[in-house]
Every structure is written in C-alpha cells, then in structure tokens.
C-alpha cells in the first residue's frame, strides 16, 4: 500500500509533517481527493511539491494547487533512470555518467 507524506517548513524554518495518507492504489481521483483534503486542512496554497514522478500525482497537483511549482525528486529520478534506460544504454557508461553528474 503506497504511503503519501506531506512535509512542510513552518515560519521558524522547522520541517513539519502535516499530512499523510495510506492509499489502496495510486489514481488521479485518489490523489485529487488527498490534495483537496490537504488544501482544506492547511487553508493555504502550497508553494512547492516534490514528488516521485507518479503520473496520477503529476496530473492531480495542478487541479488543486494551480499556482504551485512541481518538481520531481532527484532520488527517485536516480532510481528510475537505470530501470527505464537499462536496455538503451550500456550499463557501465550509464552508471559512470550518472554518478559523475555530467548527465544533467
């Protein structure tokens, strides 16, 4: 079961957990509902979202938070690139290029 965690920074610069949801599946409708609940609970338009590049979450964020900046987490990009490009690039070349940081 996927876990969605919402973490923010308060007025004092401290990181705070302000919402979490355990969901049965990752669909647009479920994420839209979660984001609507977050919006109602915080009563604020959140400024920035970092996600794991889930297509359903990518689609739901602009619906509830149209003025927010949405980016993908570099950790998850690093996890997904080797999986997605495994057959397209030589393993050794890809690993060395990605680790050296010259890919971006």
PDB file of N, CA and C in Angstrom:
ATOM      1  N   UNK A   1       0.836  -1.173   0.000  1.00  0.00           N
ATOM      2  CA  UNK A   1       0.000   0.000   0.000  1.00  0.00           C
ATOM      3  C   UNK A   1       0.890   1.249   0.000  1.00  0.00           C
ATOM      4  N   UNK A   2       0.718   2.120  -0.976  1.00  0.00           N
ATOM      5  CA  UNK A   2       1.516   3.344  -1.053  1.00  0.00           C
ATOM      6  C   UNK A   2       1.212   4.302   0.105  1.00  0.00           C
ATOM      7  N   UNK A   3       2.248   4.993   0.531  1.00  0.00           N
ATOM      8  CA  UNK A   3       2.130   5.999   1.581  1.00  0.00           C
ATOM      9  C   UNK A   3       2.457   7.359   0.983  1.00  0.00           C
ATOM     10  N   UNK A   4       1.552   8.299   1.136  1.00  0.00           N
ATOM     11  CA  UNK A   4       1.797   9.681   0.726  1.00  0.00           C
ATOM     12  C   UNK A   4       2.095  10.487   1.975  1.00  0.00           C
ATOM     13  N   UNK A   5       3.207  11.207   1.952  1.00  0.00           N
ATOM     14  CA  UNK A   5       3.629  12.010   3.088  1.00  0.00           C
ATOM     15  C   UNK A   5       3.773  13.455   2.634  1.00  0.00           C
ATOM     16  N   UNK A   6       3.217  14.376   3.394  1.00  0.00           N
ATOM     17  CA  UNK A   6       3.295  15.796   3.098  1.00  0.00           C
ATOM     18  C   UNK A   6       4.082  16.469   4.221  1.00  0.00           C
ATOM     19  N   UNK A   7       5.197  17.026   3.843  1.00  0.00           N
ATOM     20  CA  UNK A   7       6.091  17.674   4.791  1.00  0.00           C
ATOM     21  C   UNK A   7       6.236  19.130   4.376  1.00  0.00           C
ATOM     22  N   UNK A   8       6.256  20.006   5.346  1.00  0.00           N
ATOM     23  CA  UNK A   8       6.404  21.417   5.047  1.00  0.00           C
ATOM     24  C   UNK A   8       7.380  22.087   5.990  1.00  0.00           C
ATOM     25  N   UNK A   9       7.656  23.341   5.725  1.00  0.00           N
ATOM     26  CA  UNK A   9       8.533  24.143   6.562  1.00  0.00           C
ATOM     27  C   UNK A   9       7.682  25.225   7.214  1.00  0.00           C
ATOM     28  N   UNK A  10       7.773  25.319   8.541  1.00  0.00           N
ATOM     29  CA  UNK A  10       6.967  26.312   9.251  1.00  0.00           C
ATOM     30  C   UNK A  10       7.647  27.683   9.258  1.00  0.00           C
ATOM     31  N   UNK A  11       7.032  28.644   9.939  1.00  0.00           N
ATOM     32  CA  UNK A  11       7.553  30.018   9.976  1.00  0.00           C
ATOM     33  C   UNK A  11       8.912  30.125  10.647  1.00  0.00           C
ATOM     34  N   UNK A  12       9.278  29.136  11.440  1.00  0.00           N
ATOM     35  CA  UNK A  12      10.569  29.144  12.135  1.00  0.00           C
ATOM     36  C   UNK A  12      11.636  28.363  11.392  1.00  0.00           C
ATOM     37  N   UNK A  13      11.301  27.882  10.191  1.00  0.00           N
ATOM     38  CA  UNK A  13      12.266  27.125   9.401  1.00  0.00           C
ATOM     39  C   UNK A  13      12.397  25.670   9.808  1.00  0.00           C
ATOM     40  N   UNK A  14      11.466  25.174  10.615  1.00  0.00           N
ATOM     41  CA  UNK A  14      11.488  23.778  11.043  1.00  0.00           C
ATOM     42  C   UNK A  14      10.636  22.918  10.113  1.00  0.00           C
ATOM     43  N   UNK A  15      11.124  21.733   9.817  1.00  0.00           N
ATOM     44  CA  UNK A  15      10.384  20.792   8.984  1.00  0.00           C
ATOM     45  C   UNK A  15       9.293  20.136   9.820  1.00  0.00           C
ATOM     46  N   UNK A  16       8.093  20.103   9.275  1.00  0.00           N
ATOM     47  CA  UNK A  16       6.943  19.535   9.984  1.00  0.00           C
ATOM     48  C   UNK A  16       6.175  18.575   9.078  1.00  0.00           C
ATOM     49  N   UNK A  17       5.773  17.464   9.648  1.00  0.00           N
ATOM     50  CA  UNK A  17       4.863  16.542   8.965  1.00  0.00           C
ATOM     51  C   UNK A  17       3.457  17.077   9.184  1.00  0.00           C
ATOM     52  N   UNK A  18       2.731  17.379   8.079  1.00  0.00           N
ATOM     53  CA  UNK A  18       1.387  17.912   8.278  1.00  0.00           C
ATOM     54  C   UNK A  18       0.285  17.076   7.659  1.00  0.00           C
ATOM     55  N   UNK A  19       0.625  16.044   6.927  1.00  0.00           N
ATOM     56  CA  UNK A  19      -0.409  15.137   6.416  1.00  0.00           C
ATOM     57  C   UNK A  19       0.240  13.853   5.922  1.00  0.00           C
ATOM     58  N   UNK A  20      -0.511  12.785   6.010  1.00  0.00           N
ATOM     59  CA  UNK A  20      -0.079  11.512   5.443  1.00  0.00           C
ATOM     60  C   UNK A  20      -1.317  10.690   5.095  1.00  0.00           C
ATOM     61  N   UNK A  21      -1.160   9.834   4.113  1.00  0.00           N
ATOM     62  CA  UNK A  21      -2.287   9.006   3.674  1.00  0.00           C
ATOM     63  C   UNK A  21      -1.764   7.664   3.183  1.00  0.00           C
ATOM     64  N   UNK A  22      -2.386   6.608   3.652  1.00  0.00           N
ATOM     65  CA  UNK A  22      -2.120   5.274   3.122  1.00  0.00           C
ATOM     66  C   UNK A  22      -3.248   4.982   2.146  1.00  0.00           C
ATOM     67  N   UNK A  23      -2.879   4.679   0.915  1.00  0.00           N
ATOM     68  CA  UNK A  23      -3.892   4.521  -0.130  1.00  0.00           C
ATOM     69  C   UNK A  23      -3.824   3.123  -0.741  1.00  0.00           C
ATOM     70  N   UNK A  24      -4.946   2.687  -1.272  1.00  0.00           N
ATOM     71  CA  UNK A  24      -5.024   1.344  -1.857  1.00  0.00           C
ATOM     72  C   UNK A  24      -4.420   1.281  -3.246  1.00  0.00           C
ATOM     73  N   UNK A  25      -4.541   2.372  -3.988  1.00  0.00           N
ATOM     74  CA  UNK A  25      -3.910   2.435  -5.312  1.00  0.00           C
ATOM     75  C   UNK A  25      -3.684   3.893  -5.688  1.00  0.00           C
ATOM     76  N   UNK A  26      -2.771   4.117  -6.596  1.00  0.00           N
ATOM     77  CA  UNK A  26      -2.366   5.462  -6.971  1.00  0.00           C
ATOM     78  C   UNK A  26      -3.111   5.904  -8.225  1.00  0.00           C
ATOM     79  N   UNK A  27      -4.275   6.526  -8.015  1.00  0.00           N
ATOM     80  CA  UNK A  27      -5.066   7.012  -9.138  1.00  0.00           C
ATOM     81  C   UNK A  27      -5.219   8.527  -9.033  1.00  0.00           C
ATOM     82  N   UNK A  28      -5.558   9.124 -10.159  1.00  0.00           N
ATOM     83  CA  UNK A  28      -5.793  10.566 -10.206  1.00  0.00           C
ATOM     84  C   UNK A  28      -6.866  10.969  -9.201  1.00  0.00           C
ATOM     85  N   UNK A  29      -7.951  10.227  -9.141  1.00  0.00           N
ATOM     86  CA  UNK A  29      -9.072  10.571  -8.264  1.00  0.00           C
ATOM     87  C   UNK A  29      -8.667  10.538  -6.797  1.00  0.00           C
ATOM     88  N   UNK A  30      -7.892   9.532  -6.414  1.00  0.00           N
ATOM     89  CA  UNK A  30      -7.457   9.437  -5.016  1.00  0.00           C
ATOM     90  C   UNK A  30      -6.514  10.582  -4.676  1.00  0.00           C
ATOM     91  N   UNK A  31      -5.562  10.865  -5.545  1.00  0.00           N
ATOM     92  CA  UNK A  31      -4.640  11.967  -5.274  1.00  0.00           C
ATOM     93  C   UNK A  31      -5.356  13.307  -5.264  1.00  0.00           C
ATOM     94  N   UNK A  32      -6.319  13.473  -6.128  1.00  0.00           N
ATOM     95  CA  UNK A  32      -7.082  14.717  -6.143  1.00  0.00           C
ATOM     96  C   UNK A  32      -7.820  14.889  -4.820  1.00  0.00           C
ATOM     97  N   UNK A  33      -8.393  13.823  -4.299  1.00  0.00           N
ATOM     98  CA  UNK A  33      -9.095  13.881  -3.020  1.00  0.00           C
ATOM     99  C   UNK A  33      -8.119  14.196  -1.880  1.00  0.00           C
ATOM    100  N   UNK A  34      -6.947  13.543  -1.878  1.00  0.00           N
ATOM    101  CA  UNK A  34      -5.947  13.803  -0.834  1.00  0.00           C
ATOM    102  C   UNK A  34      -5.520  15.265  -0.873  1.00  0.00           C
ATOM    103  N   UNK A  35      -5.228  15.774  -2.057  1.00  0.00           N
ATOM    104  CA  UNK A  35      -4.798  17.164  -2.182  1.00  0.00           C
ATOM    105  C   UNK A  35      -5.897  18.135  -1.787  1.00  0.00           C
ATOM    106  N   UNK A  36      -7.138  17.789  -2.072  1.00  0.00           N
ATOM    107  CA  UNK A  36      -8.259  18.631  -1.651  1.00  0.00           C
ATOM    108  C   UNK A  36      -8.341  18.664  -0.124  1.00  0.00           C
ATOM    109  N   UNK A  37      -8.131  17.532   0.523  1.00  0.00           N
ATOM    110  CA  UNK A  37      -8.126  17.473   1.990  1.00  0.00           C
ATOM    111  C   UNK A  37      -6.965  18.284   2.564  1.00  0.00           C
ATOM    112  N   UNK A  38      -5.799  18.197   1.940  1.00  0.00           N
ATOM    113  CA  UNK A  38      -4.643  18.987   2.382  1.00  0.00           C
ATOM    114  C   UNK A  38      -4.951  20.478   2.254  1.00  0.00           C
ATOM    115  N   UNK A  39      -5.554  20.881   1.155  1.00  0.00           N
ATOM    116  CA  UNK A  39      -5.908  22.280   0.946  1.00  0.00           C
ATOM    117  C   UNK A  39      -6.912  22.751   2.000  1.00  0.00           C
ATOM    118  N   UNK A  40      -7.900  21.935   2.296  1.00  0.00           N
ATOM    119  CA  UNK A  40      -8.892  22.298   3.316  1.00  0.00           C
ATOM    120  C   UNK A  40      -8.258  22.374   4.700  1.00  0.00           C
ATOM    121  N   UNK A  41      -7.348  21.466   4.999  1.00  0.00           N
ATOM    122  CA  UNK A  41      -6.723  21.431   6.320  1.00  0.00           C
ATOM    123  C   UNK A  41      -5.746  22.580   6.532  1.00  0.00           C
ATOM    124  N   UNK A  42      -4.992  22.923   5.505  1.00  0.00           N
ATOM    125  CA  UNK A  42      -3.985  23.976   5.645  1.00  0.00           C
ATOM    126  C   UNK A  42      -4.538  25.359   5.358  1.00  0.00           C
ATOM    127  N   UNK A  43      -5.605  25.415   4.580  1.00  0.00           N
ATOM    128  CA  UNK A  43      -6.200  26.679   4.139  1.00  0.00           C
ATOM    129  C   UNK A  43      -5.184  27.580   3.453  1.00  0.00           C
ATOM    130  N   UNK A  44      -4.216  26.950   2.758  1.00  0.00           N
ATOM    131  CA  UNK A  44      -3.187  27.698   2.048  1.00  0.00           C
ATOM    132  C   UNK A  44      -2.853  26.993   0.741  1.00  0.00           C
ATOM    133  N   UNK A  45      -2.505  27.792  -0.254  1.00  0.00           N
ATOM    134  CA  UNK A  45      -1.963  27.225  -1.486  1.00  0.00           C
ATOM    135  C   UNK A  45      -0.498  26.892  -1.221  1.00  0.00           C
ATOM    136  N   UNK A  46      -0.150  25.647  -1.290  1.00  0.00           N
ATOM    137  CA  UNK A  46       1.227  25.240  -1.059  1.00  0.00           C
ATOM    138  C   UNK A  46       2.077  25.715  -2.237  1.00  0.00           C
ATOM    139  N   UNK A  47       3.298  26.093  -1.955  1.00  0.00           N
ATOM    140  CA  UNK A  47       4.135  26.720  -2.973  1.00  0.00           C
ATOM    141  C   UNK A  47       4.900  25.735  -3.841  1.00  0.00           C
ATOM    142  N   UNK A  48       5.398  24.644  -3.243  1.00  0.00           N
ATOM    143  CA  UNK A  48       6.277  23.725  -3.962  1.00  0.00           C
ATOM    144  C   UNK A  48       5.901  22.292  -3.620  1.00  0.00           C
ATOM    145  N   UNK A  49       5.935  21.433  -4.634  1.00  0.00           N
ATOM    146  CA  UNK A  49       5.748  19.997  -4.455  1.00  0.00           C
ATOM    147  C   UNK A  49       6.943  19.269  -5.049  1.00  0.00           C
ATOM    148  N   UNK A  50       7.493  18.327  -4.312  1.00  0.00           N
ATOM    149  CA  UNK A  50       8.477  17.387  -4.843  1.00  0.00           C
ATOM    150  C   UNK A  50       7.825  16.015  -4.779  1.00  0.00           C
ATOM    151  N   UNK A  51       7.771  15.330  -5.914  1.00  0.00           N
ATOM    152  CA  UNK A  51       7.130  14.022  -5.959  1.00  0.00           C
ATOM    153  C   UNK A  51       8.045  12.996  -6.625  1.00  0.00           C
ATOM    154  N   UNK A  52       7.579  11.758  -6.611  1.00  0.00           N
ATOM    155  CA  UNK A  52       8.342  10.664  -7.212  1.00  0.00           C
ATOM    156  C   UNK A  52       7.995  10.453  -8.685  1.00  0.00           C
ATOM    157  N   UNK A  53       7.374  11.427  -9.315  1.00  0.00           N
ATOM    158  CA  UNK A  53       7.020  11.401 -10.736  1.00  0.00           C
ATOM    159  C   UNK A  53       5.883  10.439 -11.054  1.00  0.00           C
ATOM    160  N   UNK A  54       5.029  10.172 -10.091  1.00  0.00           N
ATOM    161  CA  UNK A  54       3.847   9.351 -10.358  1.00  0.00           C
ATOM    162  C   UNK A  54       2.913  10.129 -11.282  1.00  0.00           C
ATOM    163  N   UNK A  55       2.523   9.547 -12.416  1.00  0.00           N
ATOM    164  CA  UNK A  55       1.682  10.272 -13.383  1.00  0.00           C
ATOM    165  C   UNK A  55       0.352  10.755 -12.799  1.00  0.00           C
ATOM    166  N   UNK A  56      -0.241   9.970 -11.907  1.00  0.00           N
ATOM    167  CA  UNK A  56      -1.515  10.373 -11.312  1.00  0.00           C
ATOM    168  C   UNK A  56      -1.333  11.591 -10.412  1.00  0.00           C
ATOM    169  N   UNK A  57      -0.271  11.609  -9.628  1.00  0.00           N
ATOM    170  CA  UNK A  57       0.005  12.769  -8.771  1.00  0.00           C
ATOM    171  C   UNK A  57       0.374  13.974  -9.624  1.00  0.00           C
ATOM    172  N   UNK A  58       1.149  13.747 -10.667  1.00  0.00           N
ATOM    173  CA  UNK A  58       1.516  14.839 -11.582  1.00  0.00           C
ATOM    174  C   UNK A  58       0.275  15.515 -12.160  1.00  0.00           C
ATOM    175  N   UNK A  59      -0.745  14.736 -12.454  1.00  0.00           N
ATOM    176  CA  UNK A  59      -1.978  15.280 -13.032  1.00  0.00           C
ATOM    177  C   UNK A  59      -2.858  15.947 -11.980  1.00  0.00           C
ATOM    178  N   UNK A  60      -2.824  15.460 -10.740  1.00  0.00           N
ATOM    179  CA  UNK A  60      -3.711  15.979  -9.699  1.00  0.00           C
ATOM    180  C   UNK A  60      -3.226  17.288  -9.088  1.00  0.00           C
ATOM    181  N   UNK A  61      -1.927  17.499  -9.026  1.00  0.00           N
ATOM    182  CA  UNK A  61      -1.403  18.706  -8.373  1.00  0.00           C
ATOM    183  C   UNK A  61      -1.924  19.988  -9.012  1.00  0.00           C
ATOM    184  N   UNK A  62      -1.864  20.156 -10.343  1.00  0.00           N
ATOM    185  CA  UNK A  62      -2.349  21.426 -10.914  1.00  0.00           C
ATOM    186  C   UNK A  62      -3.848  21.664 -10.727  1.00  0.00           C
ATOM    187  N   UNK A  63      -4.608  20.616 -10.489  1.00  0.00           N
ATOM    188  CA  UNK A  63      -6.050  20.780 -10.289  1.00  0.00           C
ATOM    189  C   UNK A  63      -6.323  21.487  -8.957  1.00  0.00           C
ATOM    190  N   UNK A  64      -5.655  21.070  -7.904  1.00  0.00           N
ATOM    191  CA  UNK A  64      -5.886  21.645  -6.581  1.00  0.00           C
ATOM    192  C   UNK A  64      -4.940  22.804  -6.251  1.00  0.00           C
ATOM    193  N   UNK A  65      -3.732  22.773  -6.793  1.00  0.00           N
ATOM    194  CA  UNK A  65      -2.716  23.780  -6.485  1.00  0.00           C
ATOM    195  C   UNK A  65      -2.172  24.354  -7.794  1.00  0.00           C
ATOM    196  N   UNK A  66      -2.985  25.144  -8.447  1.00  0.00           N
ATOM    197  CA  UNK A  66      -2.652  25.610  -9.796  1.00  0.00           C
ATOM    198  C   UNK A  66      -1.455  26.555  -9.840  1.00  0.00           C
ATOM    199  N   UNK A  67      -1.140  27.231  -8.746  1.00  0.00           N
ATOM    200  CA  UNK A  67      -0.026  28.173  -8.737  1.00  0.00           C
ATOM    201  C   UNK A  67       1.241  27.605  -8.112  1.00  0.00           C
ATOM    202  N   UNK A  68       1.232  26.343  -7.790  1.00  0.00           N
ATOM    203  CA  UNK A  68       2.385  25.723  -7.138  1.00  0.00           C
ATOM    204  C   UNK A  68       3.428  25.288  -8.157  1.00  0.00           C
ATOM    205  N   UNK A  69       4.678  25.237  -7.698  1.00  0.00           N
ATOM    206  CA  UNK A  69       5.771  24.733  -8.512  1.00  0.00           C
ATOM    207  C   UNK A  69       5.919  23.247  -8.211  1.00  0.00           C
ATOM    208  N   UNK A  70       5.972  22.439  -9.249  1.00  0.00           N
ATOM    209  CA  UNK A  70       6.046  20.996  -9.083  1.00  0.00           C
ATOM    210  C   UNK A  70       7.339  20.484  -9.692  1.00  0.00           C
ATOM    211  N   UNK A  71       8.104  19.746  -8.896  1.00  0.00           N
ATOM    212  CA  UNK A  71       9.365  19.175  -9.369  1.00  0.00           C
ATOM    213  C   UNK A  71       9.435  17.705  -8.955  1.00  0.00           C
ATOM    214  N   UNK A  72      10.294  16.979  -9.642  1.00  0.00           N
ATOM    215  CA  UNK A  72      10.488  15.572  -9.307  1.00  0.00           C
ATOM    216  C   UNK A  72      11.735  15.419  -8.451  1.00  0.00           C
ATOM    217  N   UNK A  73      11.634  14.558  -7.482  1.00  0.00           N
ATOM    218  CA  UNK A  73      12.709  14.302  -6.523  1.00  0.00           C
ATOM    219  C   UNK A  73      13.903  13.648  -7.223  1.00  0.00           C
ATOM    220  N   UNK A  74      15.098  14.196  -7.019  1.00  0.00           N
ATOM    221  CA  UNK A  74      16.297  13.670  -7.684  1.00  0.00           C
ATOM    222  C   UNK A  74      16.583  12.231  -7.248  1.00  0.00           C
ATOM    223  N   UNK A  75      16.249  11.873  -6.027  1.00  0.00           N
ATOM    224  CA  UNK A  75      16.447  10.495  -5.574  1.00  0.00           C
ATOM    225  C   UNK A  75      15.631   9.541  -6.436  1.00  0.00           C
ATOM    226  N   UNK A  76      14.373   9.864  -6.654  1.00  0.00           N
ATOM    227  CA  UNK A  76      13.509   8.984  -7.444  1.00  0.00           C
ATOM    228  C   UNK A  76      13.900   8.997  -8.927  1.00  0.00           C
ATOM    229  N   UNK A  77      14.355  10.137  -9.413  1.00  0.00           N
ATOM    230  CA  UNK A  77      14.856  10.177 -10.788  1.00  0.00           C
ATOM    231  C   UNK A  77      16.039   9.226 -10.906  1.00  0.00           C
ATOM    232  N   UNK A  78      16.942   9.282  -9.925  1.00  0.00           N
ATOM    233  CA  UNK A  78      18.105   8.389  -9.927  1.00  0.00           C
ATOM    234  C   UNK A  78      17.729   6.922  -9.838  1.00  0.00           C
ATOM    235  N   UNK A  79      16.637   6.612  -9.164  1.00  0.00           N
ATOM    236  CA  UNK A  79      16.167   5.233  -9.069  1.00  0.00           C
ATOM    237  C   UNK A  79      15.502   4.776 -10.368  1.00  0.00           C
ATOM    238  N   UNK A  80      14.791   5.684 -11.023  1.00  0.00           N
ATOM    239  CA  UNK A  80      14.014   5.314 -12.209  1.00  0.00           C
ATOM    240  C   UNK A  80      14.827   5.303 -13.498  1.00  0.00           C
ATOM    241  N   UNK A  81      15.831   6.171 -13.618  1.00  0.00           N
ATOM    242  CA  UNK A  81      16.595   6.229 -14.864  1.00  0.00           C
ATOM    243  C   UNK A  81      17.247   4.894 -15.238  1.00  0.00           C
ATOM    244  N   UNK A  82      17.966   4.245 -14.343  1.00  0.00           N
ATOM    245  CA  UNK A  82      18.570   2.965 -14.739  1.00  0.00           C
ATOM    246  C   UNK A  82      17.534   1.922 -15.157  1.00  0.00           C
ATOM    247  N   UNK A  83      16.369   1.915 -14.491  1.00  0.00           N
ATOM    248  CA  UNK A  83      15.311   0.967 -14.853  1.00  0.00           C
ATOM    249  C   UNK A  83      14.773   1.241 -16.253  1.00  0.00           C
ATOM    250  N   UNK A  84      14.528   2.513 -16.542  1.00  0.00           N
ATOM    251  CA  UNK A  84      13.914   2.890 -17.808  1.00  0.00           C
ATOM    252  C   UNK A  84      14.887   2.802 -18.984  1.00  0.00           C
ATOM    253  N   UNK A  85      16.169   3.054 -18.726  1.00  0.00           N
ATOM    254  CA  UNK A  85      17.145   3.107 -19.813  1.00  0.00           C
ATOM    255  C   UNK A  85      18.077   1.895 -19.851  1.00  0.00           C
ATOM    256  N   UNK A  86      17.789   0.894 -19.073  1.00  0.00           N
ATOM    257  CA  UNK A  86      18.671  -0.261 -18.945  1.00  0.00           C
ATOM    258  C   UNK A  86      19.052  -0.868 -20.287  1.00  0.00           C
ATOM    259  N   UNK A  87      18.103  -1.080 -21.146  1.00  0.00           N
ATOM    260  CA  UNK A  87      18.380  -1.698 -22.432  1.00  0.00           C
ATOM    261  C   UNK A  87      18.850  -0.730 -23.498  1.00  0.00           C
ATOM    262  N   UNK A  88      18.757   0.571 -23.228  1.00  0.00           N
ATOM    263  CA  UNK A  88      19.070   1.554 -24.259  1.00  0.00           C
ATOM    264  C   UNK A  88      20.500   2.070 -24.185  1.00  0.00           C
ATOM    265  N   UNK A  89      21.090   2.021 -23.028  1.00  0.00           N
ATOM    266  CA  UNK A  89      22.465   2.474 -22.866  1.00  0.00           C
ATOM    267  C   UNK A  89      23.283   1.363 -22.218  1.00  0.00           C
ATOM    268  N   UNK A  90      24.554   1.373 -22.489  1.00  0.00           N
ATOM    269  CA  UNK A  90      25.407   0.387 -21.851  1.00  0.00           C
ATOM    270  C   UNK A  90      25.416   0.650 -20.353  1.00  0.00           C
ATOM    271  N   UNK A  91      25.316  -0.400 -19.568  1.00  0.00           N
ATOM    272  CA  UNK A  91      25.212  -0.280 -18.120  1.00  0.00           C
ATOM    273  C   UNK A  91      26.394   0.488 -17.527  1.00  0.00           C
ATOM    274  N   UNK A  92      27.614   0.148 -17.925  1.00  0.00           N
ATOM    275  CA  UNK A  92      28.792   0.788 -17.347  1.00  0.00           C
ATOM    276  C   UNK A  92      28.827   2.274 -17.689  1.00  0.00           C
ATOM    277  N   UNK A  93      28.592   2.619 -18.936  1.00  0.00           N
ATOM    278  CA  UNK A  93      28.612   4.019 -19.357  1.00  0.00           C
ATOM    279  C   UNK A  93      27.555   4.816 -18.602  1.00  0.00           C
ATOM    280  N   UNK A  94      26.361   4.272 -18.522  1.00  0.00           N
ATOM    281  CA  UNK A  94      25.273   4.973 -17.855  1.00  0.00           C
ATOM    282  C   UNK A  94      25.593   5.203 -16.383  1.00  0.00           C
ATOM    283  N   UNK A  95      26.045   4.191 -15.705  1.00  0.00           N
ATOM    284  CA  UNK A  95      26.338   4.307 -14.275  1.00  0.00           C
ATOM    285  C   UNK A  95      27.426   5.337 -14.020  1.00  0.00           C
ATOM    286  N   UNK A  96      28.497   5.313 -14.796  1.00  0.00           N
ATOM    287  CA  UNK A  96      29.597   6.258 -14.587  1.00  0.00           C
ATOM    288  C   UNK A  96      29.181   7.681 -14.914  1.00  0.00           C
ATOM    289  N   UNK A  97      28.422   7.876 -15.978  1.00  0.00           N
ATOM    290  CA  UNK A  97      27.979   9.207 -16.374  1.00  0.00           C
ATOM    291  C   UNK A  97      27.020   9.787 -15.323  1.00  0.00           C
ATOM    292  N   UNK A  98      26.093   8.959 -14.862  1.00  0.00           N
ATOM    293  CA  UNK A  98      25.124   9.444 -13.882  1.00  0.00           C
ATOM    294  C   UNK A  98      25.796   9.778 -12.564  1.00  0.00           C
ATOM    295  N   UNK A  99      26.689   8.928 -12.097  1.00  0.00           N
ATOM    296  CA  UNK A  99      27.368   9.172 -10.820  1.00  0.00           C
ATOM    297  C   UNK A  99      28.253  10.408 -10.879  1.00  0.00           C
ATOM    298  N   UNK A 100      28.843  10.683 -12.025  1.00  0.00           N
ATOM    299  CA  UNK A 100      29.741  11.827 -12.135  1.00  0.00           C
ATOM    300  C   UNK A 100      28.981  13.156 -12.198  1.00  0.00           C
ATOM    301  N   UNK A 101      27.695  13.106 -12.478  1.00  0.00           N
ATOM    302  CA  UNK A 101      26.897  14.318 -12.537  1.00  0.00           C
ATOM    303  C   UNK A 101      26.959  15.038 -13.871  1.00  0.00           C
ATOM    304  N   UNK A 102      27.630  14.447 -14.865  1.00  0.00           N
ATOM    305  CA  UNK A 102      27.732  15.119 -16.158  1.00  0.00           C
ATOM    306  C   UNK A 102      26.502  14.918 -17.015  1.00  0.00           C
ATOM    307  N   UNK A 103      25.585  14.110 -16.560  1.00  0.00           N
ATOM    308  CA  UNK A 103      24.381  13.833 -17.325  1.00  0.00           C
ATOM    309  C   UNK A 103      23.429  15.029 -17.320  1.00  0.00           C
ATOM    310  N   UNK A 104      23.434  15.813 -16.271  1.00  0.00           N
ATOM    311  CA  UNK A 104      22.490  16.929 -16.146  1.00  0.00           C
ATOM    312  C   UNK A 104      23.207  18.233 -16.338  1.00  0.00           C
TER     313      UNK A 104
END
